[in-house]
PDB file of N, CA and C in Angstrom:
ATOM      1  N   UNK A   1      43.118 187.041   4.113  1.00  0.00           N
ATOM      2  CA  UNK A   1      42.799 187.007   5.531  1.00  0.00           C
ATOM      3  C   UNK A   1      41.278 186.983   5.658  1.00  0.00           C
ATOM      4  N   UNK A   2      40.700 185.848   5.955  1.00  0.00           N
ATOM      5  CA  UNK A   2      39.248 185.730   6.013  1.00  0.00           C
ATOM      6  C   UNK A   2      38.711 185.736   7.437  1.00  0.00           C
ATOM      7  N   UNK A   3      39.570 185.589   8.422  1.00  0.00           N
ATOM      8  CA  UNK A   3      39.143 185.605   9.809  1.00  0.00           C
ATOM      9  C   UNK A   3      38.898 187.057  10.236  1.00  0.00           C
ATOM     10  N   UNK A   4      37.660 187.403  10.630  1.00  0.00           N
ATOM     11  CA  UNK A   4      37.369 188.792  11.004  1.00  0.00           C
ATOM     12  C   UNK A   4      38.209 189.279  12.191  1.00  0.00           C
ATOM     13  N   UNK A   5      38.566 188.382  13.103  1.00  0.00           N
ATOM     14  CA  UNK A   5      39.405 188.789  14.233  1.00  0.00           C
ATOM     15  C   UNK A   5      40.815 189.138  13.769  1.00  0.00           C
ATOM     16  N   UNK A   6      41.349 188.378  12.824  1.00  0.00           N
ATOM     17  CA  UNK A   6      42.664 188.701  12.277  1.00  0.00           C
ATOM     18  C   UNK A   6      42.623 190.014  11.505  1.00  0.00           C
ATOM     19  N   UNK A   7      41.507 190.292  10.858  1.00  0.00           N
ATOM     20  CA  UNK A   7      41.348 191.563  10.146  1.00  0.00           C
ATOM     21  C   UNK A   7      41.369 192.734  11.122  1.00  0.00           C
ATOM     22  N   UNK A   8      40.747 192.568  12.281  1.00  0.00           N
ATOM     23  CA  UNK A   8      40.766 193.616  13.307  1.00  0.00           C
ATOM     24  C   UNK A   8      42.197 193.848  13.780  1.00  0.00           C
ATOM     25  N   UNK A   9      42.943 192.776  13.998  1.00  0.00           N
ATOM     26  CA  UNK A   9      44.335 192.914  14.427  1.00  0.00           C
ATOM     27  C   UNK A   9      45.172 193.611  13.350  1.00  0.00           C
ATOM     28  N   UNK A  10      44.974 193.232  12.091  1.00  0.00           N
ATOM     29  CA  UNK A  10      45.730 193.858  11.007  1.00  0.00           C
ATOM     30  C   UNK A  10      45.426 195.351  10.919  1.00  0.00           C
ATOM     31  N   UNK A  11      44.165 195.703  11.063  1.00  0.00           N
ATOM     32  CA  UNK A  11      43.776 197.114  11.049  1.00  0.00           C
ATOM     33  C   UNK A  11      44.454 197.872  12.193  1.00  0.00           C
ATOM     34  N   UNK A  12      44.521 197.247  13.345  1.00  0.00           N
ATOM     35  CA  UNK A  12      45.182 197.849  14.507  1.00  0.00           C
ATOM     36  C   UNK A  12      46.656 198.118  14.208  1.00  0.00           C
ATOM     37  N   UNK A  13      47.337 197.155  13.616  1.00  0.00           N
ATOM     38  CA  UNK A  13      48.744 197.322  13.251  1.00  0.00           C
ATOM     39  C   UNK A  13      48.909 198.418  12.195  1.00  0.00           C
ATOM     40  N   UNK A  14      47.957 198.525  11.292  1.00  0.00           N
ATOM     41  CA  UNK A  14      48.033 199.536  10.240  1.00  0.00           C
ATOM     42  C   UNK A  14      47.849 200.960  10.781  1.00  0.00           C
ATOM     43  N   UNK A  15      47.197 201.083  11.941  1.00  0.00           N
ATOM     44  CA  UNK A  15      46.926 202.407  12.503  1.00  0.00           C
ATOM     45  C   UNK A  15      48.153 203.026  13.168  1.00  0.00           C
ATOM     46  N   UNK A  16      49.076 202.231  13.657  1.00  0.00           N
ATOM     47  CA  UNK A  16      50.261 202.764  14.325  1.00  0.00           C
ATOM     48  C   UNK A  16      51.412 201.775  14.226  1.00  0.00           C
ATOM     49  N   UNK A  17      52.577 202.302  13.984  1.00  0.00           N
ATOM     50  CA  UNK A  17      53.774 201.449  13.943  1.00  0.00           C
ATOM     51  C   UNK A  17      54.325 201.180  15.339  1.00  0.00           C
ATOM     52  N   UNK A  18      53.696 201.747  16.369  1.00  0.00           N
ATOM     53  CA  UNK A  18      54.133 201.513  17.755  1.00  0.00           C
ATOM     54  C   UNK A  18      53.793 200.106  18.244  1.00  0.00           C
ATOM     55  N   UNK A  19      52.839 199.448  17.589  1.00  0.00           N
ATOM     56  CA  UNK A  19      52.443 198.093  17.991  1.00  0.00           C
ATOM     57  C   UNK A  19      53.379 197.085  17.332  1.00  0.00           C
ATOM     58  N   UNK A  20      53.973 196.232  18.155  1.00  0.00           N
ATOM     59  CA  UNK A  20      54.883 195.197  17.659  1.00  0.00           C
ATOM     60  C   UNK A  20      54.119 193.927  17.333  1.00  0.00           C
ATOM     61  N   UNK A  21      53.273 193.495  18.267  1.00  0.00           N
ATOM     62  CA  UNK A  21      52.502 192.275  18.049  1.00  0.00           C
ATOM     63  C   UNK A  21      51.162 192.384  18.755  1.00  0.00           C
ATOM     64  N   UNK A  22      50.240 191.512  18.361  1.00  0.00           N
ATOM     65  CA  UNK A  22      48.907 191.529  18.959  1.00  0.00           C
ATOM     66  C   UNK A  22      48.303 190.138  18.884  1.00  0.00           C
ATOM     67  N   UNK A  23      47.366 189.916  19.786  1.00  0.00           N
ATOM     68  CA  UNK A  23      46.655 188.634  19.800  1.00  0.00           C
ATOM     69  C   UNK A  23      45.296 188.827  20.455  1.00  0.00           C
ATOM     70  N   UNK A  24      44.407 187.937  20.126  1.00  0.00           N
ATOM     71  CA  UNK A  24      43.127 187.835  20.813  1.00  0.00           C
ATOM     72  C   UNK A  24      43.128 186.446  21.433  1.00  0.00           C
ATOM     73  N   UNK A  25      42.962 186.430  22.748  1.00  0.00           N
ATOM     74  CA  UNK A  25      43.103 185.198  23.515  1.00  0.00           C
ATOM     75  C   UNK A  25      41.850 184.982  24.344  1.00  0.00           C
ATOM     76  N   UNK A  26      41.411 183.737  24.441  1.00  0.00           N
ATOM     77  CA  UNK A  26      40.262 183.438  25.298  1.00  0.00           C
ATOM     78  C   UNK A  26      40.690 183.553  26.759  1.00  0.00           C
ATOM     79  N   UNK A  27      39.721 183.749  27.636  1.00  0.00           N
ATOM     80  CA  UNK A  27      40.044 183.932  29.055  1.00  0.00           C
ATOM     81  C   UNK A  27      40.711 182.701  29.666  1.00  0.00           C
ATOM     82  N   UNK A  28      40.572 181.553  29.025  1.00  0.00           N
ATOM     83  CA  UNK A  28      41.245 180.357  29.528  1.00  0.00           C
ATOM     84  C   UNK A  28      42.583 180.110  28.830  1.00  0.00           C
ATOM     85  N   UNK A  29      43.050 181.088  28.030  1.00  0.00           N
ATOM     86  CA  UNK A  29      44.397 181.016  27.475  1.00  0.00           C
ATOM     87  C   UNK A  29      44.534 180.464  26.069  1.00  0.00           C
ATOM     88  N   UNK A  30      43.437 180.199  25.397  1.00  0.00           N
ATOM     89  CA  UNK A  30      43.528 179.674  24.028  1.00  0.00           C
ATOM     90  C   UNK A  30      43.641 180.816  23.024  1.00  0.00           C
ATOM     91  N   UNK A  31      44.683 180.815  22.182  1.00  0.00           N
ATOM     92  CA  UNK A  31      44.814 181.853  21.161  1.00  0.00           C
ATOM     93  C   UNK A  31      43.694 181.712  20.125  1.00  0.00           C
ATOM     94  N   UNK A  32      43.048 182.814  19.808  1.00  0.00           N
ATOM     95  CA  UNK A  32      41.962 182.817  18.841  1.00  0.00           C
ATOM     96  C   UNK A  32      42.429 183.426  17.520  1.00  0.00           C
ATOM     97  N   UNK A  33      43.244 184.477  17.612  1.00  0.00           N
ATOM     98  CA  UNK A  33      43.821 185.130  16.436  1.00  0.00           C
ATOM     99  C   UNK A  33      45.091 185.834  16.896  1.00  0.00           C
ATOM    100  N   UNK A  34      46.066 185.947  15.998  1.00  0.00           N
ATOM    101  CA  UNK A  34      47.294 186.631  16.408  1.00  0.00           C
ATOM    102  C   UNK A  34      48.090 187.148  15.225  1.00  0.00           C
ATOM    103  N   UNK A  35      48.816 188.205  15.494  1.00  0.00           N
ATOM    104  CA  UNK A  35      49.847 188.743  14.614  1.00  0.00           C
ATOM    105  C   UNK A  35      51.058 188.969  15.516  1.00  0.00           C
ATOM    106  N   UNK A  36      51.801 187.916  15.752  1.00  0.00           N
ATOM    107  CA  UNK A  36      52.912 187.951  16.697  1.00  0.00           C
ATOM    108  C   UNK A  36      54.243 188.066  15.986  1.00  0.00           C
ATOM    109  N   UNK A  37      55.219 188.578  16.721  1.00  0.00           N
ATOM    110  CA  UNK A  37      56.588 188.593  16.215  1.00  0.00           C
ATOM    111  C   UNK A  37      57.030 187.146  15.995  1.00  0.00           C
ATOM    112  N   UNK A  38      57.936 186.937  15.054  1.00  0.00           N
ATOM    113  CA  UNK A  38      58.363 185.582  14.685  1.00  0.00           C
ATOM    114  C   UNK A  38      58.828 184.747  15.861  1.00  0.00           C
ATOM    115  N   UNK A  39      59.493 185.373  16.820  1.00  0.00           N
ATOM    116  CA  UNK A  39      60.053 184.611  17.931  1.00  0.00           C
ATOM    117  C   UNK A  39      59.032 184.310  19.038  1.00  0.00           C
ATOM    118  N   UNK A  40      57.820 184.814  18.906  1.00  0.00           N
ATOM    119  CA  UNK A  40      56.787 184.580  19.913  1.00  0.00           C
ATOM    120  C   UNK A  40      56.044 183.282  19.643  1.00  0.00           C
ATOM    121  N   UNK A  41      55.739 182.553  20.706  1.00  0.00           N
ATOM    122  CA  UNK A  41      54.988 181.312  20.627  1.00  0.00           C
ATOM    123  C   UNK A  41      53.537 181.600  21.002  1.00  0.00           C
ATOM    124  N   UNK A  42      52.630 181.353  20.085  1.00  0.00           N
ATOM    125  CA  UNK A  42      51.216 181.669  20.275  1.00  0.00           C
ATOM    126  C   UNK A  42      50.625 181.005  21.520  1.00  0.00           C
ATOM    127  N   UNK A  43      50.950 179.739  21.740  1.00  0.00           N
ATOM    128  CA  UNK A  43      50.411 179.032  22.902  1.00  0.00           C
ATOM    129  C   UNK A  43      50.952 179.595  24.213  1.00  0.00           C
ATOM    130  N   UNK A  44      52.232 179.940  24.217  1.00  0.00           N
ATOM    131  CA  UNK A  44      52.838 180.519  25.421  1.00  0.00           C
ATOM    132  C   UNK A  44      52.233 181.892  25.714  1.00  0.00           C
ATOM    133  N   UNK A  45      52.028 182.691  24.673  1.00  0.00           N
ATOM    134  CA  UNK A  45      51.386 183.999  24.843  1.00  0.00           C
ATOM    135  C   UNK A  45      49.983 183.812  25.421  1.00  0.00           C
ATOM    136  N   UNK A  46      49.248 182.844  24.918  1.00  0.00           N
ATOM    137  CA  UNK A  46      47.908 182.563  25.434  1.00  0.00           C
ATOM    138  C   UNK A  46      47.921 182.191  26.898  1.00  0.00           C
ATOM    139  N   UNK A  47      48.843 181.313  27.279  1.00  0.00           N
ATOM    140  CA  UNK A  47      48.944 180.888  28.676  1.00  0.00           C
ATOM    141  C   UNK A  47      49.321 182.026  29.605  1.00  0.00           C
ATOM    142  N   UNK A  48      50.286 182.833  29.188  1.00  0.00           N
ATOM    143  CA  UNK A  48      50.699 183.972  30.015  1.00  0.00           C
ATOM    144  C   UNK A  48      49.579 185.003  30.130  1.00  0.00           C
ATOM    145  N   UNK A  49      48.841 185.195  29.051  1.00  0.00           N
ATOM    146  CA  UNK A  49      47.719 186.131  29.077  1.00  0.00           C
ATOM    147  C   UNK A  49      46.671 185.678  30.087  1.00  0.00           C
ATOM    148  N   UNK A  50      46.350 184.400  30.080  1.00  0.00           N
ATOM    149  CA  UNK A  50      45.364 183.870  31.027  1.00  0.00           C
ATOM    150  C   UNK A  50      45.846 184.060  32.466  1.00  0.00           C
ATOM    151  N   UNK A  51      47.132 183.837  32.707  1.00  0.00           N
ATOM    152  CA  UNK A  51      47.682 184.010  34.054  1.00  0.00           C
ATOM    153  C   UNK A  51      47.615 185.475  34.486  1.00  0.00           C
ATOM    154  N   UNK A  52      48.003 186.401  33.591  1.00  0.00           N
ATOM    155  CA  UNK A  52      47.950 187.830  33.922  1.00  0.00           C
ATOM    156  C   UNK A  52      46.514 188.280  34.144  1.00  0.00           C
ATOM    157  N   UNK A  53      45.609 187.780  33.318  1.00  0.00           N
ATOM    158  CA  UNK A  53      44.198 188.121  33.448  1.00  0.00           C
ATOM    159  C   UNK A  53      43.652 187.637  34.793  1.00  0.00           C
ATOM    160  N   UNK A  54      43.970 186.422  35.155  1.00  0.00           N
ATOM    161  CA  UNK A  54      43.500 185.862  36.412  1.00  0.00           C
ATOM    162  C   UNK A  54      44.024 186.663  37.607  1.00  0.00           C
ATOM    163  N   UNK A  55      45.294 186.979  37.586  1.00  0.00           N
ATOM    164  CA  UNK A  55      45.887 187.758  38.670  1.00  0.00           C
ATOM    165  C   UNK A  55      45.270 189.147  38.738  1.00  0.00           C
ATOM    166  N   UNK A  56      45.094 189.784  37.595  1.00  0.00           N
ATOM    167  CA  UNK A  56      44.481 191.108  37.563  1.00  0.00           C
ATOM    168  C   UNK A  56      43.056 191.099  38.090  1.00  0.00           C
ATOM    169  N   UNK A  57      42.295 190.070  37.727  1.00  0.00           N
ATOM    170  CA  UNK A  57      40.914 189.964  38.206  1.00  0.00           C
ATOM    171  C   UNK A  57      40.869 189.775  39.718  1.00  0.00           C
ATOM    172  N   UNK A  58      41.766 188.943  40.228  1.00  0.00           N
ATOM    173  CA  UNK A  58      41.809 188.746  41.682  1.00  0.00           C
ATOM    174  C   UNK A  58      42.208 190.029  42.400  1.00  0.00           C
ATOM    175  N   UNK A  59      43.160 190.755  41.840  1.00  0.00           N
ATOM    176  CA  UNK A  59      43.618 191.995  42.467  1.00  0.00           C
ATOM    177  C   UNK A  59      42.510 193.044  42.483  1.00  0.00           C
ATOM    178  N   UNK A  60      41.783 193.203  41.371  1.00  0.00           N
ATOM    179  CA  UNK A  60      40.725 194.217  41.339  1.00  0.00           C
ATOM    180  C   UNK A  60      39.601 193.879  42.314  1.00  0.00           C
ATOM    181  N   UNK A  61      39.314 192.599  42.465  1.00  0.00           N
ATOM    182  CA  UNK A  61      38.289 192.196  43.440  1.00  0.00           C
ATOM    183  C   UNK A  61      38.777 192.410  44.873  1.00  0.00           C
ATOM    184  N   UNK A  62      40.005 191.983  45.161  1.00  0.00           N
ATOM    185  CA  UNK A  62      40.566 192.098  46.507  1.00  0.00           C
ATOM    186  C   UNK A  62      40.713 193.551  46.945  1.00  0.00           C
ATOM    187  N   UNK A  63      41.004 194.426  45.983  1.00  0.00           N
ATOM    188  CA  UNK A  63      41.225 195.837  46.305  1.00  0.00           C
ATOM    189  C   UNK A  63      39.979 196.696  46.051  1.00  0.00           C
ATOM    190  N   UNK A  64      38.863 196.039  45.739  1.00  0.00           N
ATOM    191  CA  UNK A  64      37.559 196.696  45.592  1.00  0.00           C
ATOM    192  C   UNK A  64      37.571 197.835  44.570  1.00  0.00           C
ATOM    193  N   UNK A  65      38.115 197.554  43.381  1.00  0.00           N
ATOM    194  CA  UNK A  65      38.117 198.574  42.327  1.00  0.00           C
ATOM    195  C   UNK A  65      37.270 198.153  41.124  1.00  0.00           C
ATOM    196  N   UNK A  66      36.386 197.198  41.321  1.00  0.00           N
ATOM    197  CA  UNK A  66      35.475 196.787  40.259  1.00  0.00           C
ATOM    198  C   UNK A  66      36.043 195.701  39.379  1.00  0.00           C
ATOM    199  N   UNK A  67      35.483 195.590  38.202  1.00  0.00           N
ATOM    200  CA  UNK A  67      35.914 194.571  37.243  1.00  0.00           C
ATOM    201  C   UNK A  67      37.145 195.035  36.477  1.00  0.00           C
ATOM    202  N   UNK A  68      38.005 194.104  36.157  1.00  0.00           N
ATOM    203  CA  UNK A  68      39.194 194.393  35.376  1.00  0.00           C
ATOM    204  C   UNK A  68      38.793 194.784  33.958  1.00  0.00           C
ATOM    205  N   UNK A  69      39.316 195.899  33.471  1.00  0.00           N
ATOM    206  CA  UNK A  69      39.053 196.307  32.090  1.00  0.00           C
ATOM    207  C   UNK A  69      40.334 196.330  31.267  1.00  0.00           C
ATOM    208  N   UNK A  70      41.469 196.660  31.912  1.00  0.00           N
ATOM    209  CA  UNK A  70      42.739 196.644  31.192  1.00  0.00           C
ATOM    210  C   UNK A  70      43.896 196.558  32.173  1.00  0.00           C
ATOM    211  N   UNK A  71      45.013 196.090  31.654  1.00  0.00           N
ATOM    212  CA  UNK A  71      46.245 195.961  32.428  1.00  0.00           C
ATOM    213  C   UNK A  71      47.394 196.438  31.560  1.00  0.00           C
ATOM    214  N   UNK A  72      48.325 197.161  32.161  1.00  0.00           N
ATOM    215  CA  UNK A  72      49.532 197.587  31.466  1.00  0.00           C
ATOM    216  C   UNK A  72      50.739 197.063  32.222  1.00  0.00           C
ATOM    217  N   UNK A  73      51.645 196.440  31.495  1.00  0.00           N
ATOM    218  CA  UNK A  73      52.895 195.957  32.072  1.00  0.00           C
ATOM    219  C   UNK A  73      54.020 196.621  31.296  1.00  0.00           C
ATOM    220  N   UNK A  74      54.921 197.273  32.023  1.00  0.00           N
ATOM    221  CA  UNK A  74      56.015 197.970  31.365  1.00  0.00           C
ATOM    222  C   UNK A  74      57.319 197.245  31.607  1.00  0.00           C
ATOM    223  N   UNK A  75      58.041 196.992  30.524  1.00  0.00           N
ATOM    224  CA  UNK A  75      59.363 196.398  30.594  1.00  0.00           C
ATOM    225  C   UNK A  75      60.376 197.352  29.990  1.00  0.00           C
ATOM    226  N   UNK A  76      61.635 197.005  30.085  1.00  0.00           N
ATOM    227  CA  UNK A  76      62.682 197.856  29.523  1.00  0.00           C
ATOM    228  C   UNK A  76      62.537 198.038  28.015  1.00  0.00           C
ATOM    229  N   UNK A  77      62.027 197.012  27.345  1.00  0.00           N
ATOM    230  CA  UNK A  77      61.978 197.032  25.883  1.00  0.00           C
ATOM    231  C   UNK A  77      60.578 197.238  25.314  1.00  0.00           C
ATOM    232  N   UNK A  78      59.613 197.622  26.151  1.00  0.00           N
ATOM    233  CA  UNK A  78      58.280 197.881  25.629  1.00  0.00           C
ATOM    234  C   UNK A  78      57.184 197.665  26.659  1.00  0.00           C
ATOM    235  N   UNK A  79      55.963 197.763  26.173  1.00  0.00           N
ATOM    236  CA  UNK A  79      54.769 197.612  27.004  1.00  0.00           C
ATOM    237  C   UNK A  79      53.952 196.413  26.560  1.00  0.00           C
ATOM    238  N   UNK A  80      53.236 195.840  27.507  1.00  0.00           N
ATOM    239  CA  UNK A  80      52.222 194.825  27.212  1.00  0.00           C
ATOM    240  C   UNK A  80      50.896 195.401  27.682  1.00  0.00           C
ATOM    241  N   UNK A  81      49.911 195.379  26.814  1.00  0.00           N
ATOM    242  CA  UNK A  81      48.570 195.846  27.143  1.00  0.00           C
ATOM    243  C   UNK A  81      47.601 194.684  27.055  1.00  0.00           C
ATOM    244  N   UNK A  82      46.793 194.491  28.076  1.00  0.00           N
ATOM    245  CA  UNK A  82      45.688 193.538  28.044  1.00  0.00           C
ATOM    246  C   UNK A  82      44.407 194.342  28.163  1.00  0.00           C
ATOM    247  N   UNK A  83      43.517 194.190  27.209  1.00  0.00           N
ATOM    248  CA  UNK A  83      42.246 194.894  27.218  1.00  0.00           C
ATOM    249  C   UNK A  83      41.136 193.867  27.096  1.00  0.00           C
ATOM    250  N   UNK A  84      40.247 193.854  28.069  1.00  0.00           N
ATOM    251  CA  UNK A  84      39.125 192.921  28.068  1.00  0.00           C
ATOM    252  C   UNK A  84      38.164 193.342  26.965  1.00  0.00           C
ATOM    253  N   UNK A  85      38.033 192.522  25.925  1.00  0.00           N
ATOM    254  CA  UNK A  85      37.154 192.847  24.799  1.00  0.00           C
ATOM    255  C   UNK A  85      35.736 192.336  25.049  1.00  0.00           C
ATOM    256  N   UNK A  86      35.631 191.113  25.541  1.00  0.00           N
ATOM    257  CA  UNK A  86      34.340 190.526  25.912  1.00  0.00           C
ATOM    258  C   UNK A  86      34.574 189.786  27.223  1.00  0.00           C
ATOM    259  N   UNK A  87      33.538 189.174  27.727  1.00  0.00           N
ATOM    260  CA  UNK A  87      33.702 188.395  28.959  1.00  0.00           C
ATOM    261  C   UNK A  87      34.718 187.272  28.767  1.00  0.00           C
ATOM    262  N   UNK A  88      34.812 186.759  27.537  1.00  0.00           N
ATOM    263  CA  UNK A  88      35.670 185.608  27.274  1.00  0.00           C
ATOM    264  C   UNK A  88      36.889 185.893  26.404  1.00  0.00           C
ATOM    265  N   UNK A  89      37.029 187.101  25.860  1.00  0.00           N
ATOM    266  CA  UNK A  89      38.150 187.398  24.961  1.00  0.00           C
ATOM    267  C   UNK A  89      38.946 188.615  25.436  1.00  0.00           C
ATOM    268  N   UNK A  90      40.264 188.489  25.316  1.00  0.00           N
ATOM    269  CA  UNK A  90      41.180 189.554  25.722  1.00  0.00           C
ATOM    270  C   UNK A  90      42.041 189.941  24.523  1.00  0.00           C
ATOM    271  N   UNK A  91      42.198 191.234  24.321  1.00  0.00           N
ATOM    272  CA  UNK A  91      43.094 191.760  23.298  1.00  0.00           C
ATOM    273  C   UNK A  91      44.444 192.020  23.963  1.00  0.00           C
ATOM    274  N   UNK A  92      45.497 191.458  23.394  1.00  0.00           N
ATOM    275  CA  UNK A  92      46.848 191.600  23.943  1.00  0.00           C
ATOM    276  C   UNK A  92      47.707 192.313  22.910  1.00  0.00           C
ATOM    277  N   UNK A  93      48.427 193.340  23.363  1.00  0.00           N
ATOM    278  CA  UNK A  93      49.312 194.096  22.487  1.00  0.00           C
ATOM    279  C   UNK A  93      50.689 194.217  23.109  1.00  0.00           C
ATOM    280  N   UNK A  94      51.716 194.203  22.287  1.00  0.00           N
ATOM    281  CA  UNK A  94      53.037 194.618  22.745  1.00  0.00           C
ATOM    282  C   UNK A  94      53.429 195.824  21.900  1.00  0.00           C
ATOM    283  N   UNK A  95      54.136 196.749  22.533  1.00  0.00           N
ATOM    284  CA  UNK A  95      54.501 197.987  21.856  1.00  0.00           C
ATOM    285  C   UNK A  95      55.978 198.295  22.039  1.00  0.00           C
ATOM    286  N   UNK A  96      56.432 199.256  21.273  1.00  0.00           N
ATOM    287  CA  UNK A  96      57.790 199.744  21.442  1.00  0.00           C
ATOM    288  C   UNK A  96      57.884 200.499  22.770  1.00  0.00           C
ATOM    289  N   UNK A  97      59.104 200.685  23.308  1.00  0.00           N
ATOM    290  CA  UNK A  97      59.248 201.322  24.631  1.00  0.00           C
ATOM    291  C   UNK A  97      58.655 202.736  24.718  1.00  0.00           C
ATOM    292  N   UNK A  98      58.826 203.539  23.695  1.00  0.00           N
ATOM    293  CA  UNK A  98      58.336 204.920  23.762  1.00  0.00           C
ATOM    294  C   UNK A  98      57.036 205.106  22.983  1.00  0.00           C
ATOM    295  N   UNK A  99      56.195 204.098  23.015  1.00  0.00           N
ATOM    296  CA  UNK A  99      54.904 204.148  22.326  1.00  0.00           C
ATOM    297  C   UNK A  99      54.041 205.271  22.900  1.00  0.00           C
ATOM    298  N   UNK A 100      53.230 205.838  22.046  1.00  0.00           N
ATOM    299  CA  UNK A 100      52.270 206.862  22.468  1.00  0.00           C
ATOM    300  C   UNK A 100      51.079 206.128  23.090  1.00  0.00           C
ATOM    301  N   UNK A 101      51.133 205.974  24.405  1.00  0.00           N
ATOM    302  CA  UNK A 101      50.173 205.133  25.121  1.00  0.00           C
ATOM    303  C   UNK A 101      48.730 205.585  24.916  1.00  0.00           C
ATOM    304  N   UNK A 102      48.486 206.883  24.901  1.00  0.00           N
ATOM    305  CA  UNK A 102      47.120 207.380  24.696  1.00  0.00           C
ATOM    306  C   UNK A 102      46.543 206.924  23.367  1.00  0.00           C
ATOM    307  N   UNK A 103      47.348 207.011  22.313  1.00  0.00           N
ATOM    308  CA  UNK A 103      46.878 206.582  20.990  1.00  0.00           C
ATOM    309  C   UNK A 103      46.709 205.064  20.945  1.00  0.00           C
ATOM    310  N   UNK A 104      47.647 204.345  21.548  1.00  0.00           N
ATOM    311  CA  UNK A 104      47.541 202.884  21.590  1.00  0.00           C
ATOM    312  C   UNK A 104      46.227 202.477  22.260  1.00  0.00           C
ATOM    313  N   UNK A 105      45.941 203.070  23.410  1.00  0.00           N
ATOM    314  CA  UNK A 105      44.709 202.724  24.127  1.00  0.00           C
ATOM    315  C   UNK A 105      43.467 203.110  23.332  1.00  0.00           C
ATOM    316  N   UNK A 106      43.518 204.242  22.662  1.00  0.00           N
ATOM    317  CA  UNK A 106      42.389 204.662  21.824  1.00  0.00           C
ATOM    318  C   UNK A 106      42.115 203.623  20.737  1.00  0.00           C
ATOM    319  N   UNK A 107      43.162 203.249  19.997  1.00  0.00           N
ATOM    320  CA  UNK A 107      42.995 202.260  18.929  1.00  0.00           C
ATOM    321  C   UNK A 107      42.601 200.886  19.489  1.00  0.00           C
ATOM    322  N   UNK A 108      43.192 200.520  20.621  1.00  0.00           N
ATOM    323  CA  UNK A 108      42.889 199.215  21.223  1.00  0.00           C
ATOM    324  C   UNK A 108      41.440 199.142  21.689  1.00  0.00           C
ATOM    325  N   UNK A 109      40.942 200.224  22.258  1.00  0.00           N
ATOM    326  CA  UNK A 109      39.544 200.229  22.700  1.00  0.00           C
ATOM    327  C   UNK A 109      38.589 200.164  21.514  1.00  0.00           C
ATOM    328  N   UNK A 110      38.950 200.826  20.420  1.00  0.00           N
ATOM    329  CA  UNK A 110      38.141 200.714  19.201  1.00  0.00           C
ATOM    330  C   UNK A 110      38.126 199.267  18.713  1.00  0.00           C
ATOM    331  N   UNK A 111      39.299 198.632  18.713  1.00  0.00           N
ATOM    332  CA  UNK A 111      39.393 197.233  18.285  1.00  0.00           C
ATOM    333  C   UNK A 111      38.572 196.336  19.213  1.00  0.00           C
ATOM    334  N   UNK A 112      38.636 196.594  20.517  1.00  0.00           N
ATOM    335  CA  UNK A 112      37.870 195.791  21.477  1.00  0.00           C
ATOM    336  C   UNK A 112      36.369 195.908  21.209  1.00  0.00           C
ATOM    337  N   UNK A 113      35.914 197.102  20.862  1.00  0.00           N
ATOM    338  CA  UNK A 113      34.488 197.285  20.525  1.00  0.00           C
ATOM    339  C   UNK A 113      34.112 196.480  19.282  1.00  0.00           C
ATOM    340  N   UNK A 114      35.002 196.449  18.307  1.00  0.00           N
ATOM    341  CA  UNK A 114      34.745 195.665  17.092  1.00  0.00           C
ATOM    342  C   UNK A 114      34.709 194.173  17.397  1.00  0.00           C
ATOM    343  N   UNK A 115      35.596 193.737  18.269  1.00  0.00           N
ATOM    344  CA  UNK A 115      35.614 192.322  18.683  1.00  0.00           C
ATOM    345  C   UNK A 115      34.296 191.976  19.376  1.00  0.00           C
ATOM    346  N   UNK A 116      33.879 192.843  20.268  1.00  0.00           N
ATOM    347  CA  UNK A 116      32.633 192.619  21.000  1.00  0.00           C
ATOM    348  C   UNK A 116      31.437 192.570  20.041  1.00  0.00           C
ATOM    349  N   UNK A 117      31.449 193.422  19.032  1.00  0.00           N
ATOM    350  CA  UNK A 117      30.345 193.472  18.059  1.00  0.00           C
ATOM    351  C   UNK A 117      30.233 192.191  17.242  1.00  0.00           C
ATOM    352  N   UNK A 118      31.339 191.458  17.104  1.00  0.00           N
ATOM    353  CA  UNK A 118      31.299 190.199  16.356  1.00  0.00           C
ATOM    354  C   UNK A 118      30.571 189.093  17.116  1.00  0.00           C
ATOM    355  N   UNK A 119      30.403 189.287  18.420  1.00  0.00           N
ATOM    356  CA  UNK A 119      29.626 188.362  19.263  1.00  0.00           C
ATOM    357  C   UNK A 119      30.186 186.934  19.235  1.00  0.00           C
ATOM    358  N   UNK A 120      31.493 186.800  19.489  1.00  0.00           N
ATOM    359  CA  UNK A 120      32.123 185.484  19.545  1.00  0.00           C
ATOM    360  C   UNK A 120      31.804 184.802  20.836  1.00  0.00           C
TER     361      UNK A 120
END
């Protein structure tokens, strides 16, 4: 694994078994790096991430709560986390339903800082 972004994702997965899949996606929906479940389509994940990011950004502006930093979506079978790593890159995670959200966010924020430090 020579891609530093993929190394960050692998390290994130190694820190907790609560994470099912992860990706780093550009703000316009292009997948940059990913460790997705076999049944996940990288391009579709990228497109959905861009749509969720856009909606979240519009909502935070409309409701006057500042810039979007993260989004959590809860489903019956798990969580989706979007964490803004840089102006142009978003870290996307899926987790098991009973994931320890505090630990997930702690590790995800550490990963986001590492992504930002790479200056992509």
